[in-house]
């Protein structure tokens, strides 16, 4: 599976987590009991499906191998294996954080994603 996974999160939620020193997830993650992540191949569809037109988002790149056995790939949308984190996200596993702006066509503009 991919060694880099991605999280789409409102910048305000991420900033609050940074200040607290711990990211337990966004509201959907807290409800579901795990942090929803995406592979590079899944991130664009995730943004379109769950964050359409939403401004103020960040794309977080995470080193999957740093998450250990708490990172589990489980069958989800369309039968594809999606990465789910059953723990708080350790900021040491974060490669980078980048804004995820909305383009003129209403779709999010992604940076180049590594698999």
N, C-alpha and C. Protein backbone atom coordinates (compact mmCIF):
# COMPACT_ATOMS: atom_id res chain seq x y z
N UNK A 1 0.84 -1.19 0.00
CA UNK A 1 0.00 0.00 0.00
C UNK A 1 0.88 1.25 0.00
N UNK A 2 0.26 2.38 -0.22
CA UNK A 2 0.97 3.65 -0.30
C UNK A 2 1.70 3.99 1.00
N UNK A 3 2.90 4.52 0.85
CA UNK A 3 3.64 4.93 2.04
C UNK A 3 3.27 6.35 2.46
N UNK A 4 2.62 7.10 1.56
CA UNK A 4 2.14 8.44 1.91
C UNK A 4 0.63 8.45 1.82
N UNK A 5 -0.01 8.92 2.89
CA UNK A 5 -1.46 9.06 2.93
C UNK A 5 -1.78 10.52 3.19
N UNK A 6 -3.02 10.89 2.91
CA UNK A 6 -3.40 12.30 2.95
C UNK A 6 -4.65 12.50 3.80
N UNK A 7 -4.70 13.68 4.42
CA UNK A 7 -5.87 14.10 5.20
C UNK A 7 -6.30 15.47 4.70
N UNK A 8 -7.58 15.62 4.41
CA UNK A 8 -8.16 16.91 4.07
C UNK A 8 -8.86 17.40 5.32
N UNK A 9 -8.52 18.61 5.75
CA UNK A 9 -9.04 19.09 7.02
C UNK A 9 -9.19 20.62 6.97
N UNK A 10 -10.24 21.16 7.59
CA UNK A 10 -10.35 22.62 7.69
C UNK A 10 -9.12 23.19 8.41
N UNK A 11 -8.59 24.27 7.89
CA UNK A 11 -7.37 24.87 8.47
C UNK A 11 -7.57 25.22 9.94
N UNK A 12 -8.76 25.67 10.32
CA UNK A 12 -9.00 26.05 11.72
C UNK A 12 -8.91 24.84 12.65
N UNK A 13 -9.43 23.71 12.19
CA UNK A 13 -9.37 22.47 12.99
C UNK A 13 -7.93 22.03 13.15
N UNK A 14 -7.16 22.11 12.08
CA UNK A 14 -5.75 21.71 12.11
C UNK A 14 -4.94 22.64 13.02
N UNK A 15 -5.19 23.95 12.90
CA UNK A 15 -4.46 24.90 13.74
C UNK A 15 -4.75 24.67 15.22
N UNK A 16 -6.02 24.42 15.55
CA UNK A 16 -6.38 24.13 16.94
C UNK A 16 -5.66 22.89 17.44
N UNK A 17 -5.58 21.87 16.59
CA UNK A 17 -4.89 20.63 16.97
C UNK A 17 -3.40 20.89 17.18
N UNK A 18 -2.82 21.68 16.32
CA UNK A 18 -1.38 22.03 16.45
C UNK A 18 -1.14 22.73 17.79
N UNK A 19 -2.03 23.64 18.14
CA UNK A 19 -1.88 24.37 19.41
C UNK A 19 -2.03 23.44 20.61
N UNK A 20 -2.92 22.45 20.50
CA UNK A 20 -3.11 21.46 21.57
C UNK A 20 -2.02 20.40 21.58
N UNK A 21 -1.32 20.26 20.43
CA UNK A 21 -0.27 19.25 20.33
C UNK A 21 -0.77 17.87 19.99
N UNK A 22 -2.03 17.78 19.55
CA UNK A 22 -2.61 16.47 19.23
C UNK A 22 -3.76 16.63 18.24
N UNK A 23 -3.75 15.80 17.19
CA UNK A 23 -4.86 15.79 16.23
C UNK A 23 -5.62 14.48 16.41
N UNK A 24 -6.82 14.61 16.95
CA UNK A 24 -7.67 13.43 17.17
C UNK A 24 -8.63 13.22 16.00
N UNK A 25 -8.69 14.21 15.10
CA UNK A 25 -9.55 14.11 13.93
C UNK A 25 -10.55 15.23 13.86
N UNK A 26 -11.20 15.32 12.70
CA UNK A 26 -12.29 16.27 12.50
C UNK A 26 -13.57 15.63 13.05
N UNK A 27 -14.68 16.34 12.98
CA UNK A 27 -15.92 15.85 13.60
C UNK A 27 -16.34 14.47 13.07
N UNK A 28 -16.24 14.23 11.76
CA UNK A 28 -16.63 12.92 11.22
C UNK A 28 -15.71 11.81 11.77
N UNK A 29 -14.44 12.13 11.95
CA UNK A 29 -13.49 11.15 12.48
C UNK A 29 -13.85 10.79 13.92
N UNK A 30 -14.16 11.80 14.71
CA UNK A 30 -14.52 11.57 16.10
C UNK A 30 -15.80 10.74 16.20
N UNK A 31 -16.74 11.00 15.30
CA UNK A 31 -17.99 10.23 15.27
C UNK A 31 -17.74 8.77 14.89
N UNK A 32 -16.89 8.56 13.87
CA UNK A 32 -16.65 7.21 13.35
C UNK A 32 -15.64 6.41 14.16
N UNK A 33 -14.85 7.08 15.01
CA UNK A 33 -13.90 6.37 15.85
C UNK A 33 -12.55 6.13 15.23
N UNK A 34 -12.28 6.76 14.09
CA UNK A 34 -10.97 6.68 13.44
C UNK A 34 -10.80 7.90 12.54
N UNK A 35 -9.56 8.19 12.18
CA UNK A 35 -9.27 9.32 11.29
C UNK A 35 -9.31 8.82 9.85
N UNK A 36 -10.20 9.41 9.06
CA UNK A 36 -10.32 9.08 7.64
C UNK A 36 -9.15 9.68 6.88
N UNK A 37 -8.46 8.85 6.12
CA UNK A 37 -7.35 9.29 5.29
C UNK A 37 -7.61 8.82 3.86
N UNK A 38 -6.80 9.29 2.93
CA UNK A 38 -6.91 8.88 1.52
C UNK A 38 -5.53 8.63 0.96
N UNK A 39 -5.47 7.77 -0.05
CA UNK A 39 -4.24 7.61 -0.82
C UNK A 39 -4.22 8.75 -1.83
N UNK A 40 -3.11 8.89 -2.55
CA UNK A 40 -3.02 9.91 -3.60
C UNK A 40 -4.12 9.71 -4.63
N UNK A 41 -4.40 8.47 -4.99
CA UNK A 41 -5.41 8.16 -6.00
C UNK A 41 -6.82 8.48 -5.51
N UNK A 42 -7.04 8.53 -4.22
CA UNK A 42 -8.38 8.74 -3.65
C UNK A 42 -8.66 10.17 -3.23
N UNK A 43 -7.62 10.96 -3.02
CA UNK A 43 -7.77 12.29 -2.41
C UNK A 43 -8.64 13.24 -3.22
N UNK A 44 -8.49 13.26 -4.54
CA UNK A 44 -9.26 14.20 -5.36
C UNK A 44 -10.75 13.87 -5.30
N UNK A 45 -11.10 12.59 -5.38
CA UNK A 45 -12.51 12.20 -5.29
C UNK A 45 -13.06 12.49 -3.89
N UNK A 46 -12.24 12.26 -2.86
CA UNK A 46 -12.67 12.56 -1.49
C UNK A 46 -13.00 14.05 -1.36
N UNK A 47 -12.15 14.91 -1.91
CA UNK A 47 -12.39 16.35 -1.86
C UNK A 47 -13.69 16.71 -2.58
N UNK A 48 -13.88 16.15 -3.77
CA UNK A 48 -15.07 16.47 -4.56
C UNK A 48 -16.34 15.96 -3.88
N UNK A 49 -16.26 14.80 -3.27
CA UNK A 49 -17.45 14.17 -2.68
C UNK A 49 -17.84 14.78 -1.33
N UNK A 50 -16.85 15.07 -0.49
CA UNK A 50 -17.14 15.48 0.89
C UNK A 50 -16.83 16.94 1.21
N UNK A 51 -16.09 17.61 0.32
CA UNK A 51 -15.68 18.99 0.61
C UNK A 51 -15.94 19.93 -0.57
N UNK A 52 -16.87 19.57 -1.44
CA UNK A 52 -17.14 20.33 -2.66
C UNK A 52 -17.32 21.82 -2.38
N UNK A 53 -16.51 22.65 -3.05
CA UNK A 53 -16.61 24.10 -2.94
C UNK A 53 -16.18 24.69 -1.61
N UNK A 54 -15.75 23.87 -0.69
CA UNK A 54 -15.39 24.36 0.65
C UNK A 54 -14.02 25.04 0.63
N UNK A 55 -13.99 26.26 1.13
CA UNK A 55 -12.75 27.03 1.23
C UNK A 55 -12.10 26.77 2.59
N UNK A 56 -10.85 27.21 2.72
CA UNK A 56 -10.18 27.15 4.01
C UNK A 56 -9.72 25.76 4.41
N UNK A 57 -9.44 24.91 3.42
CA UNK A 57 -8.99 23.55 3.71
C UNK A 57 -7.48 23.43 3.58
N UNK A 58 -6.94 22.45 4.27
CA UNK A 58 -5.54 22.08 4.12
C UNK A 58 -5.47 20.64 3.66
N UNK A 59 -4.43 20.34 2.90
CA UNK A 59 -4.10 18.97 2.55
C UNK A 59 -2.85 18.61 3.34
N UNK A 60 -2.95 17.54 4.12
CA UNK A 60 -1.85 17.12 4.97
C UNK A 60 -1.28 15.83 4.41
N UNK A 61 0.02 15.80 4.14
CA UNK A 61 0.69 14.58 3.68
C UNK A 61 1.33 13.91 4.89
N UNK A 62 1.11 12.61 5.01
CA UNK A 62 1.53 11.86 6.20
C UNK A 62 2.32 10.62 5.79
N UNK A 63 3.43 10.39 6.47
CA UNK A 63 4.24 9.20 6.23
C UNK A 63 3.53 8.00 6.86
N UNK A 64 2.93 7.17 6.03
CA UNK A 64 2.15 6.03 6.51
C UNK A 64 2.94 5.08 7.39
N UNK A 65 4.20 4.85 7.06
CA UNK A 65 5.01 3.90 7.85
C UNK A 65 5.24 4.38 9.27
N UNK A 66 5.12 5.68 9.50
CA UNK A 66 5.30 6.23 10.86
C UNK A 66 4.07 5.98 11.75
N UNK A 67 2.97 5.55 11.15
CA UNK A 67 1.73 5.34 11.90
C UNK A 67 1.63 3.93 12.47
N UNK A 68 2.51 3.05 12.01
CA UNK A 68 2.55 1.69 12.54
C UNK A 68 1.28 0.91 12.29
N UNK A 69 0.97 0.01 13.22
CA UNK A 69 -0.18 -0.88 13.04
C UNK A 69 -1.51 -0.20 13.35
N UNK A 70 -1.48 1.08 13.70
CA UNK A 70 -2.71 1.84 13.92
C UNK A 70 -3.31 2.31 12.59
N UNK A 71 -2.52 2.22 11.51
CA UNK A 71 -3.00 2.55 10.17
C UNK A 71 -3.50 1.25 9.54
N UNK A 72 -4.80 1.23 9.26
CA UNK A 72 -5.44 0.03 8.73
C UNK A 72 -6.13 0.38 7.42
N UNK A 73 -5.89 -0.43 6.39
CA UNK A 73 -6.58 -0.24 5.11
C UNK A 73 -7.82 -1.11 5.14
N UNK A 74 -8.99 -0.45 5.02
CA UNK A 74 -10.26 -1.15 5.10
C UNK A 74 -11.11 -0.85 3.86
N UNK A 75 -11.87 -1.83 3.43
CA UNK A 75 -12.73 -1.67 2.26
C UNK A 75 -13.77 -0.60 2.54
N UNK A 76 -13.89 0.32 1.59
CA UNK A 76 -14.83 1.43 1.74
C UNK A 76 -15.43 1.74 0.38
N UNK A 77 -15.50 3.02 0.05
CA UNK A 77 -16.14 3.50 -1.17
C UNK A 77 -15.73 2.68 -2.40
N UNK A 78 -16.70 2.10 -3.07
CA UNK A 78 -16.44 1.36 -4.30
C UNK A 78 -15.65 0.09 -4.10
N UNK A 79 -15.57 -0.39 -2.87
CA UNK A 79 -14.82 -1.62 -2.60
C UNK A 79 -13.32 -1.42 -2.50
N UNK A 80 -12.87 -0.17 -2.57
CA UNK A 80 -11.43 0.12 -2.52
C UNK A 80 -10.93 0.15 -1.08
N UNK A 81 -9.68 -0.25 -0.86
CA UNK A 81 -9.11 -0.16 0.49
C UNK A 81 -8.72 1.29 0.82
N UNK A 82 -9.32 1.82 1.88
CA UNK A 82 -9.02 3.18 2.32
C UNK A 82 -8.22 3.14 3.62
N UNK A 83 -7.28 4.06 3.79
CA UNK A 83 -6.50 4.12 5.03
C UNK A 83 -7.28 4.79 6.15
N UNK A 84 -7.35 4.11 7.28
CA UNK A 84 -8.00 4.63 8.48
C UNK A 84 -7.00 4.56 9.62
N UNK A 85 -6.91 5.64 10.38
CA UNK A 85 -5.98 5.70 11.51
C UNK A 85 -6.75 5.55 12.81
N UNK A 86 -6.44 4.49 13.54
CA UNK A 86 -7.11 4.22 14.81
C UNK A 86 -6.25 4.71 15.98
N UNK A 87 -5.92 5.98 15.93
CA UNK A 87 -5.13 6.64 16.98
C UNK A 87 -5.11 8.12 16.64
N UNK A 88 -4.59 8.92 17.56
CA UNK A 88 -4.34 10.32 17.25
C UNK A 88 -3.19 10.38 16.26
N UNK A 89 -3.19 11.42 15.42
CA UNK A 89 -2.11 11.59 14.46
C UNK A 89 -0.92 12.26 15.13
N UNK A 90 0.20 11.60 15.10
CA UNK A 90 1.45 12.13 15.63
C UNK A 90 2.01 13.12 14.62
N UNK A 91 2.23 14.36 15.03
CA UNK A 91 2.72 15.38 14.10
C UNK A 91 4.09 15.04 13.52
N UNK A 92 4.84 14.17 14.17
CA UNK A 92 6.13 13.73 13.62
C UNK A 92 5.96 12.96 12.32
N UNK A 93 4.77 12.43 12.07
CA UNK A 93 4.50 11.68 10.85
C UNK A 93 4.12 12.59 9.67
N UNK A 94 3.90 13.87 9.94
CA UNK A 94 3.47 14.81 8.89
C UNK A 94 4.66 15.24 8.04
N UNK A 95 4.52 15.03 6.72
CA UNK A 95 5.53 15.48 5.76
C UNK A 95 5.38 16.96 5.44
N UNK A 96 4.15 17.34 5.14
CA UNK A 96 3.86 18.74 4.83
C UNK A 96 2.37 19.03 4.97
N UNK A 97 2.09 20.34 5.02
CA UNK A 97 0.72 20.87 5.06
C UNK A 97 0.63 21.94 3.98
N UNK A 98 -0.37 21.83 3.11
CA UNK A 98 -0.52 22.81 2.04
C UNK A 98 -1.97 23.24 1.92
N UNK A 99 -2.20 24.51 1.56
CA UNK A 99 -3.57 24.96 1.33
C UNK A 99 -4.19 24.17 0.17
N UNK A 100 -5.50 23.96 0.24
CA UNK A 100 -6.23 23.27 -0.82
C UNK A 100 -7.30 24.24 -1.34
N UNK A 101 -6.87 25.17 -2.21
CA UNK A 101 -7.79 26.20 -2.68
C UNK A 101 -8.82 25.64 -3.67
N UNK A 102 -9.89 26.40 -3.82
CA UNK A 102 -10.92 26.06 -4.80
C UNK A 102 -10.62 26.85 -6.07
N UNK A 103 -10.57 26.13 -7.19
CA UNK A 103 -10.30 26.78 -8.48
C UNK A 103 -11.54 27.43 -9.06
N UNK A 104 -11.38 28.10 -10.18
CA UNK A 104 -12.48 28.81 -10.82
C UNK A 104 -13.59 27.86 -11.25
N UNK A 105 -13.25 26.59 -11.47
CA UNK A 105 -14.25 25.60 -11.87
C UNK A 105 -14.99 25.00 -10.67
N UNK A 106 -14.62 25.45 -9.45
CA UNK A 106 -15.27 24.95 -8.24
C UNK A 106 -14.63 23.72 -7.65
N UNK A 107 -13.65 23.14 -8.37
CA UNK A 107 -12.95 21.97 -7.86
C UNK A 107 -11.70 22.42 -7.11
N UNK A 108 -11.27 21.61 -6.16
CA UNK A 108 -10.06 21.95 -5.41
C UNK A 108 -8.82 21.77 -6.29
N UNK A 109 -7.86 22.65 -6.07
CA UNK A 109 -6.61 22.63 -6.83
C UNK A 109 -5.57 21.92 -5.97
N UNK A 110 -5.17 20.74 -6.40
CA UNK A 110 -4.23 19.91 -5.65
C UNK A 110 -2.80 20.15 -6.06
N UNK A 111 -1.88 20.08 -5.09
CA UNK A 111 -0.47 20.05 -5.43
C UNK A 111 -0.16 18.67 -6.01
N UNK A 112 1.03 18.48 -6.52
CA UNK A 112 1.44 17.16 -6.98
C UNK A 112 1.47 16.21 -5.79
N UNK A 113 0.86 15.04 -5.96
CA UNK A 113 0.78 14.07 -4.87
C UNK A 113 1.70 12.89 -5.15
N UNK A 114 2.43 12.50 -4.14
CA UNK A 114 3.27 11.31 -4.22
C UNK A 114 2.48 10.11 -3.73
N UNK A 115 2.69 9.00 -4.38
CA UNK A 115 1.96 7.78 -3.99
C UNK A 115 2.66 7.10 -2.82
